Amino acid sequence: MLSIFQMDLNIFIAVLLYSGYASGIVLETHQNEALSISVPASMPTADIEPISRDFAAFAFEERSFYYYFGMQKTATSQSSTESFAGTPNNPNTFSKNLLNAITAKTNAAPNVRVGGSSLDDSQYNPSQPDPIKIPPGEENAGIPNNMTFGPSYFDAFATIPNAKYVVDIPMKKNKLANSKAFAKAAYNKIGADNIVGLEIGNEPDNYGLSKQVYVNRWKKWSAQMMQTLDLGEQKKIFQAVCLASQTGKTGSPGAPGGWRV
């Protein structure tokens, strides 16, 4: 008996089929309704769409990504700074080997999303020599507030060969000019060919905005990003909104007052 709460059933079944572990499944939904599914032991003869080899993707918080794929402390680091200057010639080989162990099985380049709340509550400083600066008092926070990122932060993206990235762009502070500078630096440094998606903001249902206010802001920002990055209409590569499973108001998934989209 498996318990599934707010999970996409199709994706769940696809994973089991892909893994080869499923033959018969009995599920219990979040409404406590039994649901039995029989899975054929052999592949159907009809034409079916195969699961893409890059189906399994990876996601890292902006702060954590540099720790996983960087290594050497910079000469300018201070007590309020946590920066590990990863470069293609000096990567964190332990993390790289873990990632390679998975992609060697799938035989596909990894898709990696970098962002999250630690990015959305931060700012970009083009004159900052350190990749990351964490304010005093936030060093031990799992997701620090008010971090700043410098241009050298983007060096870490080159340490994963052949990776394709979804890049998160900060939106929570509503500082469009700063976020445009961040997006342009990321796009230029990571490379257009290595970016498959841009995500504006993270979990905006925790911003305290109405859905309409968010939509209006997103439309303005996406148009500005396209202009800043010189993207044509055929290059709309924005990822759909990513909502919080737990809202800041209630702390519970799907609680009353949460967004319905």
C-alpha atoms as a PDB file:
ATOM      1  CA  MET A   1       0.000   0.000   0.000  1.00  0.00           C
ATOM      2  CA  LEU A   2       1.446   3.339  -1.070  1.00  0.00           C
ATOM      3  CA  SER A   3       0.124   6.676   0.090  1.00  0.00           C
ATOM      4  CA  ILE A   4       0.131   9.502  -2.437  1.00  0.00           C
ATOM      5  CA  PHE A   5      -0.713  13.053  -1.416  1.00  0.00           C
ATOM      6  CA  GLN A   6      -1.056  15.654  -4.125  1.00  0.00           C
ATOM      7  CA  MET A   7       1.195  13.737  -6.511  1.00  0.00           C
ATOM      8  CA  ASP A   8       0.760  13.560 -10.244  1.00  0.00           C
ATOM      9  CA  LEU A   9      -0.395   9.971 -10.657  1.00  0.00           C
ATOM     10  CA  ASN A  10       0.683   9.757 -14.278  1.00  0.00           C
ATOM     11  CA  ILE A  11       4.244  10.736 -13.429  1.00  0.00           C
ATOM     12  CA  PHE A  12       4.316   8.319 -10.499  1.00  0.00           C
ATOM     13  CA  ILE A  13       3.209   5.397 -12.650  1.00  0.00           C
ATOM     14  CA  ALA A  14       5.625   6.395 -15.411  1.00  0.00           C
ATOM     15  CA  VAL A  15       8.525   6.252 -12.951  1.00  0.00           C
ATOM     16  CA  LEU A  16       7.517   2.785 -11.811  1.00  0.00           C
ATOM     17  CA  LEU A  17       7.191   1.572 -15.382  1.00  0.00           C
ATOM     18  CA  TYR A  18      10.521   3.091 -16.323  1.00  0.00           C
ATOM     19  CA  SER A  19      12.197   1.447 -13.351  1.00  0.00           C
ATOM     20  CA  GLY A  20      10.719  -1.954 -14.176  1.00  0.00           C
ATOM     21  CA  TYR A  21       9.462  -2.471 -10.629  1.00  0.00           C
ATOM     22  CA  ALA A  22       5.720  -2.196 -11.266  1.00  0.00           C
ATOM     23  CA  SER A  23       3.379  -5.067 -12.049  1.00  0.00           C
ATOM     24  CA  GLY A  24       0.352  -4.395  -9.854  1.00  0.00           C
ATOM     25  CA  ILE A  25      -0.192  -1.254  -7.841  1.00  0.00           C
ATOM     26  CA  VAL A  26      -2.686  -0.473  -5.098  1.00  0.00           C
ATOM     27  CA  LEU A  27      -2.817   3.184  -4.214  1.00  0.00           C
ATOM     28  CA  GLU A  28      -4.501   5.143  -1.466  1.00  0.00           C
ATOM     29  CA  THR A  29      -5.363   8.691  -2.466  1.00  0.00           C
ATOM     30  CA  HIS A  30      -5.439  11.682  -0.129  1.00  0.00           C
ATOM     31  CA  GLN A  31      -9.232  11.178  -0.051  1.00  0.00           C
ATOM     32  CA  ASN A  32      -8.717   7.654   1.329  1.00  0.00           C
ATOM     33  CA  GLU A  33     -10.194   6.068  -1.787  1.00  0.00           C
ATOM     34  CA  ALA A  34      -8.677   2.776  -2.898  1.00  0.00           C
ATOM     35  CA  LEU A  35      -7.471   2.718  -6.491  1.00  0.00           C
ATOM     36  CA  SER A  36      -6.164  -0.471  -8.095  1.00  0.00           C
ATOM     37  CA  ILE A  37      -4.030  -0.369 -11.218  1.00  0.00           C
ATOM     38  CA  SER A  38      -2.841  -3.345 -13.241  1.00  0.00           C
ATOM     39  CA  VAL A  39       0.354  -2.853 -15.208  1.00  0.00           C
ATOM     40  CA  PRO A  40       1.178  -5.202 -18.110  1.00  0.00           C
ATOM     41  CA  ALA A  41       4.222  -7.383 -17.580  1.00  0.00           C
ATOM     42  CA  SER A  42       5.365  -6.782 -21.165  1.00  0.00           C
ATOM     43  CA  MET A  43       5.457  -3.705 -23.342  1.00  0.00           C
ATOM     44  CA  PRO A  44       2.286  -3.063 -25.398  1.00  0.00           C
ATOM     45  CA  THR A  45       2.585  -3.735 -29.118  1.00  0.00           C
ATOM     46  CA  ALA A  46       0.952  -0.452 -30.094  1.00  0.00           C
ATOM     47  CA  ASP A  47       3.132   2.559 -30.756  1.00  0.00           C
ATOM     48  CA  ILE A  48       3.858   4.350 -27.522  1.00  0.00           C
ATOM     49  CA  GLU A  49       5.884   7.422 -26.669  1.00  0.00           C
ATOM     50  CA  PRO A  50       9.073   6.382 -24.836  1.00  0.00           C
ATOM     51  CA  ILE A  51      10.083   8.141 -21.651  1.00  0.00           C
ATOM     52  CA  SER A  52      12.870  10.587 -22.405  1.00  0.00           C
ATOM     53  CA  ARG A  53      16.289   9.586 -21.117  1.00  0.00           C
ATOM     54  CA  ASP A  54      16.607  12.953 -19.395  1.00  0.00           C
ATOM     55  CA  PHE A  55      13.319  12.435 -17.532  1.00  0.00           C
ATOM     56  CA  ALA A  56      15.144  12.554 -14.183  1.00  0.00           C
ATOM     57  CA  ALA A  57      16.190  16.137 -13.478  1.00  0.00           C
ATOM     58  CA  PHE A  58      17.985  17.857 -10.612  1.00  0.00           C
ATOM     59  CA  ALA A  59      17.228  20.977  -8.581  1.00  0.00           C
ATOM     60  CA  PHE A  60      19.515  22.950  -6.287  1.00  0.00           C
ATOM     61  CA  GLU A  61      18.983  25.956  -4.078  1.00  0.00           C
ATOM     62  CA  GLU A  62      21.066  28.877  -5.322  1.00  0.00           C
ATOM     63  CA  ARG A  63      23.145  28.874  -2.147  1.00  0.00           C
ATOM     64  CA  SER A  64      23.666  25.088  -2.121  1.00  0.00           C
ATOM     65  CA  PHE A  65      24.600  24.800  -5.784  1.00  0.00           C
ATOM     66  CA  TYR A  66      27.896  26.568  -5.260  1.00  0.00           C
ATOM     67  CA  TYR A  67      28.784  24.310  -2.349  1.00  0.00           C
ATOM     68  CA  TYR A  68      28.078  21.184  -4.355  1.00  0.00           C
ATOM     69  CA  PHE A  69      30.004  22.253  -7.430  1.00  0.00           C
ATOM     70  CA  GLY A  70      32.620  24.637  -6.067  1.00  0.00           C
ATOM     71  CA  MET A  71      35.526  24.018  -3.755  1.00  0.00           C
ATOM     72  CA  GLN A  72      38.322  26.514  -3.212  1.00  0.00           C
ATOM     73  CA  LYS A  73      37.815  29.400  -0.767  1.00  0.00           C
ATOM     74  CA  THR A  74      38.504  32.804  -2.257  1.00  0.00           C
ATOM     75  CA  ALA A  75      41.242  35.059  -0.929  1.00  0.00           C
ATOM     76  CA  THR A  76      38.770  37.864  -0.229  1.00  0.00           C
ATOM     77  CA  SER A  77      36.314  35.792   1.819  1.00  0.00           C
ATOM     78  CA  GLN A  78      35.340  37.180   5.203  1.00  0.00           C
ATOM     79  CA  SER A  79      33.331  35.964   8.181  1.00  0.00           C
ATOM     80  CA  SER A  80      30.141  37.193   6.527  1.00  0.00           C
ATOM     81  CA  THR A  81      31.066  35.586   3.227  1.00  0.00           C
ATOM     82  CA  GLU A  82      30.741  31.988   2.141  1.00  0.00           C
ATOM     83  CA  SER A  83      32.300  31.548  -1.256  1.00  0.00           C
ATOM     84  CA  PHE A  84      33.944  28.541  -2.855  1.00  0.00           C
ATOM     85  CA  ALA A  85      35.298  29.456  -6.246  1.00  0.00           C
ATOM     86  CA  GLY A  86      34.471  26.499  -8.457  1.00  0.00           C
ATOM     87  CA  THR A  87      35.878  26.547 -11.961  1.00  0.00           C
ATOM     88  CA  PRO A  88      36.019  23.948 -14.737  1.00  0.00           C
ATOM     89  CA  ASN A  89      39.627  23.275 -13.690  1.00  0.00           C
ATOM     90  CA  ASN A  90      38.842  23.052  -9.987  1.00  0.00           C
ATOM     91  CA  PRO A  91      35.402  21.471  -9.467  1.00  0.00           C
ATOM     92  CA  ASN A  92      34.010  19.657  -6.461  1.00  0.00           C
ATOM     93  CA  THR A  93      34.774  16.173  -7.772  1.00  0.00           C
ATOM     94  CA  PHE A  94      32.710  14.372  -5.127  1.00  0.00           C
ATOM     95  CA  SER A  95      29.454  16.029  -6.224  1.00  0.00           C
ATOM     96  CA  LYS A  96      30.436  15.702  -9.854  1.00  0.00           C
ATOM     97  CA  ASN A  97      30.980  11.952  -9.443  1.00  0.00           C
ATOM     98  CA  LEU A  98      27.581  11.529  -7.776  1.00  0.00           C
ATOM     99  CA  LEU A  99      25.881  13.289 -10.661  1.00  0.00           C
ATOM    100  CA  ASN A 100      27.856  11.280 -13.209  1.00  0.00           C
ATOM    101  CA  ALA A 101      26.788   8.028 -11.542  1.00  0.00           C
ATOM    102  CA  ILE A 102      23.177   8.870 -12.372  1.00  0.00           C
ATOM    103  CA  THR A 103      23.659  10.288 -15.854  1.00  0.00           C
ATOM    104  CA  ALA A 104      25.819   7.279 -16.773  1.00  0.00           C
ATOM    105  CA  LYS A 105      22.741   5.098 -16.190  1.00  0.00           C
ATOM    106  CA  THR A 106      20.368   7.341 -18.153  1.00  0.00           C
ATOM    107  CA  ASN A 107      22.924   8.049 -20.895  1.00  0.00           C
ATOM    108  CA  ALA A 108      21.663  11.624 -21.110  1.00  0.00           C
ATOM    109  CA  ALA A 109      22.965  15.067 -20.240  1.00  0.00           C
ATOM    110  CA  PRO A 110      21.578  16.307 -16.908  1.00  0.00           C
ATOM    111  CA  ASN A 111      18.833  18.924 -16.674  1.00  0.00           C
ATOM    112  CA  VAL A 112      19.548  21.145 -13.673  1.00  0.00           C
ATOM    113  CA  ARG A 113      17.360  23.820 -12.129  1.00  0.00           C
ATOM    114  CA  VAL A 114      19.214  26.344  -9.941  1.00  0.00           C
ATOM    115  CA  GLY A 115      17.278  28.825  -7.834  1.00  0.00           C
ATOM    116  CA  GLY A 116      14.680  28.581  -5.093  1.00  0.00           C
ATOM    117  CA  SER A 117      13.971  30.825  -2.126  1.00  0.00           C
ATOM    118  CA  SER A 118      17.647  31.563  -1.429  1.00  0.00           C
ATOM    119  CA  LEU A 119      17.816  33.141  -4.889  1.00  0.00           C
ATOM    120  CA  ASP A 120      14.452  34.854  -4.875  1.00  0.00           C
ATOM    121  CA  ASP A 121      15.251  36.818  -1.712  1.00  0.00           C
ATOM    122  CA  SER A 122      18.670  37.914  -2.956  1.00  0.00           C
ATOM    123  CA  GLN A 123      20.233  40.566  -5.175  1.00  0.00           C
ATOM    124  CA  TYR A 124      22.958  40.751  -7.796  1.00  0.00           C
ATOM    125  CA  ASN A 125      26.055  42.892  -7.281  1.00  0.00           C
ATOM    126  CA  PRO A 126      28.104  43.204 -10.500  1.00  0.00           C
ATOM    127  CA  SER A 127      31.082  44.709  -8.631  1.00  0.00           C
ATOM    128  CA  GLN A 128      31.260  42.020  -5.935  1.00  0.00           C
ATOM    129  CA  PRO A 129      34.427  39.890  -6.218  1.00  0.00           C
ATOM    130  CA  ASP A 130      33.058  37.028  -4.108  1.00  0.00           C
ATOM    131  CA  PRO A 131      30.562  34.631  -5.676  1.00  0.00           C
ATOM    132  CA  ILE A 132      28.256  34.742  -2.627  1.00  0.00           C
ATOM    133  CA  LYS A 133      27.953  37.014   0.380  1.00  0.00           C
ATOM    134  CA  ILE A 134      25.725  36.032   3.275  1.00  0.00           C
ATOM    135  CA  PRO A 135      24.771  38.787   5.746  1.00  0.00           C
ATOM    136  CA  PRO A 136      25.865  38.484   9.402  1.00  0.00           C
ATOM    137  CA  GLY A 137      23.419  36.431  11.404  1.00  0.00           C
ATOM    138  CA  GLU A 138      22.285  34.426   8.371  1.00  0.00           C
ATOM    139  CA  GLU A 139      25.304  32.127   8.061  1.00  0.00           C
ATOM    140  CA  ASN A 140      23.639  29.162   9.763  1.00  0.00           C
ATOM    141  CA  ALA A 141      20.242  29.576   8.156  1.00  0.00           C
ATOM    142  CA  GLY A 142      19.226  26.792   5.830  1.00  0.00           C
ATOM    143  CA  ILE A 143      17.862  29.385   3.402  1.00  0.00           C
ATOM    144  CA  PRO A 144      19.522  32.752   4.187  1.00  0.00           C
ATOM    145  CA  ASN A 145      17.843  36.060   3.460  1.00  0.00           C
ATOM    146  CA  ASN A 146      19.344  39.026   1.604  1.00  0.00           C
ATOM    147  CA  MET A 147      22.343  37.301   0.051  1.00  0.00           C
ATOM    148  CA  THR A 148      24.212  38.972  -2.784  1.00  0.00           C
ATOM    149  CA  PHE A 149      25.745  37.225  -5.784  1.00  0.00           C
ATOM    150  CA  GLY A 150      28.697  38.407  -7.841  1.00  0.00           C
ATOM    151  CA  PRO A 151      29.628  37.612 -11.471  1.00  0.00           C
ATOM    152  CA  SER A 152      32.055  34.836 -10.423  1.00  0.00           C
ATOM    153  CA  TYR A 153      29.108  32.834  -9.068  1.00  0.00           C
ATOM    154  CA  PHE A 154      28.280  31.714 -12.601  1.00  0.00           C
ATOM    155  CA  ASP A 155      31.673  29.996 -12.980  1.00  0.00           C
ATOM    156  CA  ALA A 156      30.253  27.000 -11.121  1.00  0.00           C
ATOM    157  CA  PHE A 157      27.807  26.245 -13.947  1.00  0.00           C
ATOM    158  CA  ALA A 158      30.676  25.272 -16.228  1.00  0.00           C
ATOM    159  CA  THR A 159      31.783  22.477 -13.883  1.00  0.00           C
ATOM    160  CA  ILE A 160      29.003  20.122 -15.073  1.00  0.00           C
ATOM    161  CA  PRO A 161      29.820  19.133 -18.662  1.00  0.00           C
ATOM    162  CA  ASN A 162      26.889  19.086 -21.100  1.00  0.00           C
ATOM    163  CA  ALA A 163      24.359  20.181 -18.455  1.00  0.00           C
ATOM    164  CA  LYS A 164      21.256  22.087 -19.534  1.00  0.00           C
ATOM    165  CA  TYR A 165      19.975  24.629 -17.042  1.00  0.00           C
ATOM    166  CA  VAL A 166      16.769  26.217 -15.855  1.00  0.00           C
ATOM    167  CA  VAL A 167      17.895  29.520 -14.320  1.00  0.00           C
ATOM    168  CA  ASP A 168      15.791  31.165 -11.624  1.00  0.00           C
ATOM    169  CA  ILE A 169      15.599  34.985 -11.656  1.00  0.00           C
ATOM    170  CA  PRO A 170      14.891  36.874  -8.398  1.00  0.00           C
ATOM    171  CA  MET A 171      11.498  38.567  -8.253  1.00  0.00           C
ATOM    172  CA  LYS A 172      10.388  38.701  -4.611  1.00  0.00           C
ATOM    173  CA  LYS A 173      12.021  42.076  -3.891  1.00  0.00           C
ATOM    174  CA  ASN A 174      10.418  43.528  -7.040  1.00  0.00           C
ATOM    175  CA  LYS A 175      13.673  45.085  -8.252  1.00  0.00           C
ATOM    176  CA  LEU A 176      13.337  44.696 -11.999  1.00  0.00           C
ATOM    177  CA  ALA A 177      16.551  46.496 -13.015  1.00  0.00           C
ATOM    178  CA  ASN A 178      18.661  44.376 -10.675  1.00  0.00           C
ATOM    179  CA  SER A 179      16.998  41.166 -11.822  1.00  0.00           C
ATOM    180  CA  LYS A 180      17.565  42.104 -15.460  1.00  0.00           C
ATOM    181  CA  ALA A 181      21.273  42.565 -14.691  1.00  0.00           C
ATOM    182  CA  PHE A 182      21.336  39.146 -13.006  1.00  0.00           C
ATOM    183  CA  ALA A 183      19.592  37.499 -15.953  1.00  0.00           C
ATOM    184  CA  LYS A 184      21.933  39.085 -18.487  1.00  0.00           C
ATOM    185  CA  ALA A 185      25.032  38.049 -16.538  1.00  0.00           C
ATOM    186  CA  ALA A 186      23.725  34.489 -16.197  1.00  0.00           C
ATOM    187  CA  TYR A 187      22.753  34.269 -19.866  1.00  0.00           C
ATOM    188  CA  ASN A 188      26.120  35.553 -21.062  1.00  0.00           C
ATOM    189  CA  LYS A 189      28.252  33.510 -18.669  1.00  0.00           C
ATOM    190  CA  ILE A 190      26.371  30.187 -18.754  1.00  0.00           C
ATOM    191  CA  GLY A 191      25.689  30.464 -22.474  1.00  0.00           C
ATOM    192  CA  ALA A 192      22.410  30.582 -24.381  1.00  0.00           C
ATOM    193  CA  ASP A 193      22.897  27.037 -25.702  1.00  0.00           C
ATOM    194  CA  ASN A 194      23.152  25.709 -22.148  1.00  0.00           C
ATOM    195  CA  ILE A 195      19.963  27.370 -20.870  1.00  0.00           C
ATOM    196  CA  VAL A 196      16.668  25.613 -21.621  1.00  0.00           C
ATOM    197  CA  GLY A 197      14.477  27.717 -19.373  1.00  0.00           C
ATOM    198  CA  LEU A 198      14.197  30.874 -17.294  1.00  0.00           C
ATOM    199  CA  GLU A 199      12.038  30.932 -14.181  1.00  0.00           C
ATOM    200  CA  ILE A 200      10.951  34.364 -12.942  1.00  0.00           C
ATOM    201  CA  GLY A 201      10.543  34.218  -9.169  1.00  0.00           C
ATOM    202  CA  ASN A 202       9.949  31.271  -6.895  1.00  0.00           C
ATOM    203  CA  GLU A 203       6.751  30.275  -5.080  1.00  0.00           C
ATOM    204  CA  PRO A 204       5.028  33.631  -5.640  1.00  0.00           C
ATOM    205  CA  ASP A 205       1.964  32.435  -3.719  1.00  0.00           C
ATOM    206  CA  ASN A 206       4.065  33.290  -0.648  1.00  0.00           C
ATOM    207  CA  TYR A 207       4.623  36.900  -1.800  1.00  0.00           C
ATOM    208  CA  GLY A 208       1.362  38.106  -0.302  1.00  0.00           C
ATOM    209  CA  LEU A 209       0.078  39.147  -3.740  1.00  0.00           C
ATOM    210  CA  SER A 210      -3.168  38.325  -5.462  1.00  0.00           C
ATOM    211  CA  LYS A 211      -2.948  36.105  -8.515  1.00  0.00           C
ATOM    212  CA  GLN A 212      -3.879  38.992 -10.810  1.00  0.00           C
ATOM    213  CA  VAL A 213      -1.194  41.292  -9.399  1.00  0.00           C
ATOM    214  CA  TYR A 214       1.372  38.521  -9.849  1.00  0.00           C
ATOM    215  CA  VAL A 215       0.248  37.821 -13.425  1.00  0.00           C
ATOM    216  CA  ASN A 216       0.477  41.505 -14.339  1.00  0.00           C
ATOM    217  CA  ARG A 217       3.955  41.736 -12.828  1.00  0.00           C
ATOM    218  CA  TRP A 218       5.104  38.536 -14.540  1.00  0.00           C
ATOM    219  CA  LYS A 219       3.903  39.734 -17.955  1.00  0.00           C
ATOM    220  CA  LYS A 220       5.805  42.992 -17.548  1.00  0.00           C
ATOM    221  CA  TRP A 221       8.938  41.242 -16.314  1.00  0.00           C
ATOM    222  CA  SER A 222       8.955  38.548 -19.003  1.00  0.00           C
ATOM    223  CA  ALA A 223       8.644  41.195 -21.734  1.00  0.00           C
ATOM    224  CA  GLN A 224      11.546  43.128 -20.185  1.00  0.00           C
ATOM    225  CA  MET A 225      13.672  39.966 -19.920  1.00  0.00           C
ATOM    226  CA  MET A 226      13.074  39.130 -23.574  1.00  0.00           C
ATOM    227  CA  GLN A 227      14.210  42.604 -24.536  1.00  0.00           C
ATOM    228  CA  THR A 228      17.246  42.519 -22.236  1.00  0.00           C
ATOM    229  CA  LEU A 229      18.373  39.129 -23.539  1.00  0.00           C
ATOM    230  CA  ASP A 230      17.434  39.939 -27.146  1.00  0.00           C
ATOM    231  CA  LEU A 231      15.056  36.991 -27.388  1.00  0.00           C
ATOM    232  CA  GLY A 232      12.633  36.793 -30.293  1.00  0.00           C
ATOM    233  CA  GLU A 233       9.063  35.510 -30.075  1.00  0.00           C
ATOM    234  CA  GLN A 234      10.309  32.049 -31.015  1.00  0.00           C
ATOM    235  CA  LYS A 235      12.645  32.054 -27.996  1.00  0.00           C
ATOM    236  CA  LYS A 236      10.096  32.269 -25.197  1.00  0.00           C
ATOM    237  CA  ILE A 237      11.815  29.912 -22.786  1.00  0.00           C
ATOM    238  CA  PHE A 238      10.100  30.824 -19.552  1.00  0.00           C
ATOM    239  CA  GLN A 239       9.235  28.034 -17.159  1.00  0.00           C
ATOM    240  CA  ALA A 240       5.711  27.947 -15.738  1.00  0.00           C
ATOM    241  CA  VAL A 241       5.042  29.251 -12.254  1.00  0.00           C
ATOM    242  CA  CYS A 242       6.354  27.138  -9.381  1.00  0.00           C
ATOM    243  CA  LEU A 243       4.042  27.296  -6.361  1.00  0.00           C
ATOM    244  CA  ALA A 244       4.775  26.446  -2.743  1.00  0.00           C
ATOM    245  CA  SER A 245       3.484  23.134  -1.400  1.00  0.00           C
ATOM    246  CA  GLN A 246       3.186  24.879   1.953  1.00  0.00           C
ATOM    247  CA  THR A 247       1.858  28.418   2.057  1.00  0.00           C
ATOM    248  CA  GLY A 248       3.348  31.009   4.361  1.00  0.00           C
ATOM    249  CA  LYS A 249      -0.073  31.839   5.752  1.00  0.00           C
ATOM    250  CA  THR A 250      -1.043  28.369   6.903  1.00  0.00           C
ATOM    251  CA  GLY A 251       2.017  26.157   6.620  1.00  0.00           C
ATOM    252  CA  SER A 252      -0.174  23.431   5.144  1.00  0.00           C
ATOM    253  CA  PRO A 253      -0.383  22.096   1.582  1.00  0.00           C
ATOM    254  CA  GLY A 254      -3.566  23.006  -0.236  1.00  0.00           C
ATOM    255  CA  ALA A 255      -4.971  24.930   2.726  1.00  0.00           C
ATOM    256  CA  PRO A 256      -7.869  27.409   2.362  1.00  0.00           C
ATOM    257  CA  GLY A 257      -6.730  30.756   1.017  1.00  0.00           C
ATOM    258  CA  GLY A 258      -4.019  29.233  -1.173  1.00  0.00           C
ATOM    259  CA  TRP A 259      -3.794  29.822  -4.903  1.00  0.00           C
ATOM    260  CA  ARG A 260      -5.791  27.621  -7.276  1.00  0.00           C
ATOM    261  CA  VAL A 261      -4.318  27.520 -10.765  1.00  0.00           C
END
